[in-house]
Amino acid sequence: MTLPADDPSRSLTVADPDDPGTTYISLVGNTYGMLITGAQTGGRYCLIDMRVPDGGGPPPHRHDFEEMFTVLDGEIEFTFRGERHTVRAGSTINVPANAPHHFRNVSGAPARMLCMCTPAGQDEYFLRIGDVLAGRDAPPPTLTPDELAQRRRLAVELAPAYRSEFL
């Protein structure tokens, strides 16, 4: 096998969550930092810094791409195909494409994890449906019931374009 030539148009990426250029968004009560985007990897993958408050997490869903989580701080309860798994700091799990899942922080304290999606696209989806924050420690916006309903409608409407569905 012959490897392709190096592509000098692609550069080294250093992902620093403290970098003021990192985009943070508020989504379903969580704060997500776009550390490495699909635009930086030629669509191969994206890496998202997820800060999940106690009680936070997305609704049940599935998608046709792989999703890998490494819990950095705290613990997260993942529900995978209806079965619950508690994942603590230092552990990594991989959710296979198309499998129904969701997670919830039920630990009583904030949690943090890294999420890699392969291929990329989830980063773009989150940017389209979330609210951009001034930084990782910025409070989420206070949304009216109508604004919350609008965000949910947009998430459901755009989900098929990002190979996802809510269950």
C-alpha atoms as a PDB file:
ATOM      1  CA  MET A   1       0.000   0.000   0.000  1.00  0.00           C
ATOM      2  CA  THR A   2       1.242   3.473  -0.863  1.00  0.00           C
ATOM      3  CA  LEU A   3       0.256   6.302   1.419  1.00  0.00           C
ATOM      4  CA  PRO A   4      -0.942   9.533  -0.181  1.00  0.00           C
ATOM      5  CA  ALA A   5       1.357  12.556  -0.049  1.00  0.00           C
ATOM      6  CA  ASP A   6       1.153  14.930   2.882  1.00  0.00           C
ATOM      7  CA  ASP A   7      -1.481  17.644   2.437  1.00  0.00           C
ATOM      8  CA  PRO A   8       0.276  20.912   3.379  1.00  0.00           C
ATOM      9  CA  SER A   9      -3.032  22.788   3.207  1.00  0.00           C
ATOM     10  CA  ARG A  10      -3.968  21.096   6.508  1.00  0.00           C
ATOM     11  CA  SER A  11      -2.250  22.400   9.616  1.00  0.00           C
ATOM     12  CA  LEU A  12      -1.611  21.249  13.145  1.00  0.00           C
ATOM     13  CA  THR A  13      -4.523  22.065  15.465  1.00  0.00           C
ATOM     14  CA  VAL A  14      -3.979  22.704  19.160  1.00  0.00           C
ATOM     15  CA  ALA A  15      -7.278  22.584  21.046  1.00  0.00           C
ATOM     16  CA  ASP A  16      -7.141  24.708  24.196  1.00  0.00           C
ATOM     17  CA  PRO A  17     -10.473  25.176  26.002  1.00  0.00           C
ATOM     18  CA  ASP A  18      -9.059  28.418  27.482  1.00  0.00           C
ATOM     19  CA  ASP A  19      -8.365  29.893  24.039  1.00  0.00           C
ATOM     20  CA  PRO A  20     -10.573  32.990  23.641  1.00  0.00           C
ATOM     21  CA  GLY A  21     -11.209  31.883  20.052  1.00  0.00           C
ATOM     22  CA  THR A  22     -13.025  28.725  21.195  1.00  0.00           C
ATOM     23  CA  THR A  23     -16.743  28.963  20.450  1.00  0.00           C
ATOM     24  CA  TYR A  24     -18.989  27.956  23.335  1.00  0.00           C
ATOM     25  CA  ILE A  25     -22.704  27.406  22.992  1.00  0.00           C
ATOM     26  CA  SER A  26     -25.570  26.756  25.367  1.00  0.00           C
ATOM     27  CA  LEU A  27     -27.714  23.790  24.396  1.00  0.00           C
ATOM     28  CA  VAL A  28     -30.297  21.890  26.487  1.00  0.00           C
ATOM     29  CA  GLY A  29     -28.818  23.446  29.631  1.00  0.00           C
ATOM     30  CA  ASN A  30     -25.277  22.296  28.825  1.00  0.00           C
ATOM     31  CA  THR A  31     -22.268  24.330  27.676  1.00  0.00           C
ATOM     32  CA  TYR A  32     -20.491  22.890  24.640  1.00  0.00           C
ATOM     33  CA  GLY A  33     -17.105  24.115  23.408  1.00  0.00           C
ATOM     34  CA  MET A  34     -16.180  23.484  19.792  1.00  0.00           C
ATOM     35  CA  LEU A  35     -12.541  22.422  20.305  1.00  0.00           C
ATOM     36  CA  ILE A  36     -11.877  20.881  16.885  1.00  0.00           C
ATOM     37  CA  THR A  37     -14.369  21.346  14.082  1.00  0.00           C
ATOM     38  CA  GLY A  38     -15.106  19.373  10.974  1.00  0.00           C
ATOM     39  CA  ALA A  39     -13.803  22.343   8.976  1.00  0.00           C
ATOM     40  CA  GLN A  40     -10.395  21.766  10.599  1.00  0.00           C
ATOM     41  CA  THR A  41     -10.349  17.996   9.928  1.00  0.00           C
ATOM     42  CA  GLY A  42     -11.739  17.859   6.414  1.00  0.00           C
ATOM     43  CA  GLY A  43     -14.981  16.474   7.883  1.00  0.00           C
ATOM     44  CA  ARG A  44     -13.247  13.451   9.400  1.00  0.00           C
ATOM     45  CA  TYR A  45     -14.268  14.172  13.014  1.00  0.00           C
ATOM     46  CA  CYS A  46     -15.060  16.902  15.517  1.00  0.00           C
ATOM     47  CA  LEU A  47     -14.193  17.228  19.210  1.00  0.00           C
ATOM     48  CA  ILE A  48     -16.576  18.933  21.633  1.00  0.00           C
ATOM     49  CA  ASP A  49     -15.886  19.924  25.250  1.00  0.00           C
ATOM     50  CA  MET A  50     -19.142  19.211  27.105  1.00  0.00           C
ATOM     51  CA  ARG A  51     -19.851  20.821  30.470  1.00  0.00           C
ATOM     52  CA  VAL A  52     -22.963  19.228  31.899  1.00  0.00           C
ATOM     53  CA  PRO A  53     -24.634  20.636  35.030  1.00  0.00           C
ATOM     54  CA  ASP A  54     -26.387  18.346  37.476  1.00  0.00           C
ATOM     55  CA  GLY A  55     -29.568  17.165  35.748  1.00  0.00           C
ATOM     56  CA  GLY A  56     -28.271  18.156  32.288  1.00  0.00           C
ATOM     57  CA  GLY A  57     -28.234  16.061  29.153  1.00  0.00           C
ATOM     58  CA  PRO A  58     -29.974  15.643  25.792  1.00  0.00           C
ATOM     59  CA  PRO A  59     -33.231  13.796  25.083  1.00  0.00           C
ATOM     60  CA  PRO A  60     -33.134  10.230  23.695  1.00  0.00           C
ATOM     61  CA  HIS A  61     -31.827  10.209  20.129  1.00  0.00           C
ATOM     62  CA  ARG A  62     -29.783   8.281  17.571  1.00  0.00           C
ATOM     63  CA  HIS A  63     -27.630   9.161  14.570  1.00  0.00           C
ATOM     64  CA  ASP A  64     -25.682   7.426  11.835  1.00  0.00           C
ATOM     65  CA  PHE A  65     -22.198   8.408  13.063  1.00  0.00           C
ATOM     66  CA  GLU A  66     -19.970   7.148  15.851  1.00  0.00           C
ATOM     67  CA  GLU A  67     -19.824   9.113  19.085  1.00  0.00           C
ATOM     68  CA  MET A  68     -17.109   8.619  21.708  1.00  0.00           C
ATOM     69  CA  PHE A  69     -17.197  10.215  25.179  1.00  0.00           C
ATOM     70  CA  THR A  70     -14.371  10.525  27.710  1.00  0.00           C
ATOM     71  CA  VAL A  71     -15.571  11.666  31.121  1.00  0.00           C
ATOM     72  CA  LEU A  72     -13.023  14.122  32.531  1.00  0.00           C
ATOM     73  CA  ASP A  73     -14.776  15.257  35.727  1.00  0.00           C
ATOM     74  CA  GLY A  74     -17.719  13.809  37.637  1.00  0.00           C
ATOM     75  CA  GLU A  75     -19.905  11.014  36.397  1.00  0.00           C
ATOM     76  CA  ILE A  76     -22.574  10.645  33.749  1.00  0.00           C
ATOM     77  CA  GLU A  77     -25.377   8.126  33.428  1.00  0.00           C
ATOM     78  CA  PHE A  78     -25.612   6.904  29.835  1.00  0.00           C
ATOM     79  CA  THR A  79     -28.697   5.069  28.654  1.00  0.00           C
ATOM     80  CA  PHE A  80     -27.743   2.832  25.736  1.00  0.00           C
ATOM     81  CA  ARG A  81     -30.469   0.761  24.049  1.00  0.00           C
ATOM     82  CA  GLY A  82     -32.568   1.181  27.198  1.00  0.00           C
ATOM     83  CA  GLU A  83     -29.868   0.010  29.637  1.00  0.00           C
ATOM     84  CA  ARG A  84     -28.269   2.463  32.087  1.00  0.00           C
ATOM     85  CA  HIS A  85     -24.511   2.679  32.623  1.00  0.00           C
ATOM     86  CA  THR A  86     -22.766   4.987  35.091  1.00  0.00           C
ATOM     87  CA  VAL A  87     -19.523   6.303  33.620  1.00  0.00           C
ATOM     88  CA  ARG A  88     -17.003   7.969  35.944  1.00  0.00           C
ATOM     89  CA  ALA A  89     -14.078  10.318  35.332  1.00  0.00           C
ATOM     90  CA  GLY A  90     -11.280   8.598  33.442  1.00  0.00           C
ATOM     91  CA  SER A  91     -13.560   6.247  31.494  1.00  0.00           C
ATOM     92  CA  THR A  92     -14.342   6.348  27.786  1.00  0.00           C
ATOM     93  CA  ILE A  93     -17.357   4.885  26.018  1.00  0.00           C
ATOM     94  CA  ASN A  94     -18.175   4.563  22.344  1.00  0.00           C
ATOM     95  CA  VAL A  95     -21.754   4.753  21.095  1.00  0.00           C
ATOM     96  CA  PRO A  96     -22.057   2.858  17.793  1.00  0.00           C
ATOM     97  CA  ALA A  97     -23.804   4.527  14.885  1.00  0.00           C
ATOM     98  CA  ASN A  98     -27.614   4.196  14.830  1.00  0.00           C
ATOM     99  CA  ALA A  99     -27.925   2.998  18.455  1.00  0.00           C
ATOM    100  CA  PRO A 100     -30.570   4.719  20.611  1.00  0.00           C
ATOM    101  CA  HIS A 101     -28.971   6.561  23.528  1.00  0.00           C
ATOM    102  CA  HIS A 102     -28.874   9.624  25.748  1.00  0.00           C
ATOM    103  CA  PHE A 103     -27.036  10.789  28.823  1.00  0.00           C
ATOM    104  CA  ARG A 104     -27.885  12.597  32.020  1.00  0.00           C
ATOM    105  CA  ASN A 105     -25.770  13.988  34.823  1.00  0.00           C
ATOM    106  CA  VAL A 106     -27.397  12.537  37.934  1.00  0.00           C
ATOM    107  CA  SER A 107     -24.334  12.904  40.169  1.00  0.00           C
ATOM    108  CA  GLY A 108     -25.396  16.007  42.098  1.00  0.00           C
ATOM    109  CA  ALA A 109     -22.389  17.980  40.813  1.00  0.00           C
ATOM    110  CA  PRO A 110     -21.185  19.411  37.483  1.00  0.00           C
ATOM    111  CA  ALA A 111     -19.516  17.008  35.060  1.00  0.00           C
ATOM    112  CA  ARG A 112     -17.281  17.485  32.055  1.00  0.00           C
ATOM    113  CA  MET A 113     -16.481  15.236  29.126  1.00  0.00           C
ATOM    114  CA  LEU A 114     -14.994  15.268  25.661  1.00  0.00           C
ATOM    115  CA  CYS A 115     -17.159  14.044  22.790  1.00  0.00           C
ATOM    116  CA  MET A 116     -15.684  12.984  19.445  1.00  0.00           C
ATOM    117  CA  CYS A 117     -18.043  12.449  16.518  1.00  0.00           C
ATOM    118  CA  THR A 118     -16.868  10.578  13.439  1.00  0.00           C
ATOM    119  CA  PRO A 119     -17.471  11.853  10.836  1.00  0.00           C
ATOM    120  CA  ALA A 120     -17.956  15.494  11.798  1.00  0.00           C
ATOM    121  CA  GLY A 121     -21.233  17.351  11.492  1.00  0.00           C
ATOM    122  CA  GLN A 122     -22.498  17.385  15.053  1.00  0.00           C
ATOM    123  CA  ASP A 123     -20.440  20.528  15.658  1.00  0.00           C
ATOM    124  CA  GLU A 124     -22.261  22.327  12.832  1.00  0.00           C
ATOM    125  CA  TYR A 125     -25.643  21.078  14.060  1.00  0.00           C
ATOM    126  CA  PHE A 126     -24.993  22.319  17.596  1.00  0.00           C
ATOM    127  CA  LEU A 127     -23.918  25.720  16.287  1.00  0.00           C
ATOM    128  CA  ARG A 128     -27.156  26.016  14.319  1.00  0.00           C
ATOM    129  CA  ILE A 129     -29.490  25.091  17.172  1.00  0.00           C
ATOM    130  CA  GLY A 130     -27.649  26.426  20.257  1.00  0.00           C
ATOM    131  CA  ASP A 131     -27.026  29.918  21.610  1.00  0.00           C
ATOM    132  CA  VAL A 132     -23.462  31.245  21.337  1.00  0.00           C
ATOM    133  CA  LEU A 133     -22.013  32.251  24.709  1.00  0.00           C
ATOM    134  CA  ALA A 134     -19.390  34.883  25.533  1.00  0.00           C
ATOM    135  CA  GLY A 135     -17.180  32.132  27.015  1.00  0.00           C
ATOM    136  CA  ARG A 136     -17.246  28.794  28.774  1.00  0.00           C
ATOM    137  CA  ASP A 137     -18.202  30.294  32.131  1.00  0.00           C
ATOM    138  CA  ALA A 138     -20.912  32.585  30.734  1.00  0.00           C
ATOM    139  CA  PRO A 139     -24.388  31.789  32.042  1.00  0.00           C
ATOM    140  CA  PRO A 140     -26.879  30.300  29.591  1.00  0.00           C
ATOM    141  CA  PRO A 141     -29.453  32.733  28.241  1.00  0.00           C
ATOM    142  CA  THR A 142     -32.796  32.954  29.976  1.00  0.00           C
ATOM    143  CA  LEU A 143     -35.275  31.798  27.359  1.00  0.00           C
ATOM    144  CA  THR A 144     -39.012  32.307  27.373  1.00  0.00           C
ATOM    145  CA  PRO A 145     -41.285  29.281  26.876  1.00  0.00           C
ATOM    146  CA  ASP A 146     -41.832  30.447  23.270  1.00  0.00           C
ATOM    147  CA  GLU A 147     -38.065  30.686  22.668  1.00  0.00           C
ATOM    148  CA  LEU A 148     -37.550  27.199  24.134  1.00  0.00           C
ATOM    149  CA  ALA A 149     -40.296  25.821  21.882  1.00  0.00           C
ATOM    150  CA  GLN A 150     -38.679  27.527  18.871  1.00  0.00           C
ATOM    151  CA  ARG A 151     -35.282  25.945  19.713  1.00  0.00           C
ATOM    152  CA  ARG A 152     -36.899  22.497  19.980  1.00  0.00           C
ATOM    153  CA  ARG A 153     -38.719  22.935  16.651  1.00  0.00           C
ATOM    154  CA  LEU A 154     -35.485  23.982  14.954  1.00  0.00           C
ATOM    155  CA  ALA A 155     -33.582  21.010  16.440  1.00  0.00           C
ATOM    156  CA  VAL A 156     -36.230  18.563  15.178  1.00  0.00           C
ATOM    157  CA  GLU A 157     -36.474  20.289  11.785  1.00  0.00           C
ATOM    158  CA  LEU A 158     -32.683  20.232  11.183  1.00  0.00           C
ATOM    159  CA  ALA A 159     -31.996  16.771  12.679  1.00  0.00           C
ATOM    160  CA  PRO A 160     -32.439  14.818   9.402  1.00  0.00           C
ATOM    161  CA  ALA A 161     -29.953  17.082   7.598  1.00  0.00           C
ATOM    162  CA  TYR A 162     -27.405  16.114  10.281  1.00  0.00           C
ATOM    163  CA  ARG A 163     -28.223  12.388  10.122  1.00  0.00           C
ATOM    164  CA  SER A 164     -30.006  12.391  13.510  1.00  0.00           C
ATOM    165  CA  GLU A 165     -33.433  11.698  14.938  1.00  0.00           C
ATOM    166  CA  PHE A 166     -35.064  12.210  18.313  1.00  0.00           C
ATOM    167  CA  LEU A 167     -36.840   9.247  19.876  1.00  0.00           C
END
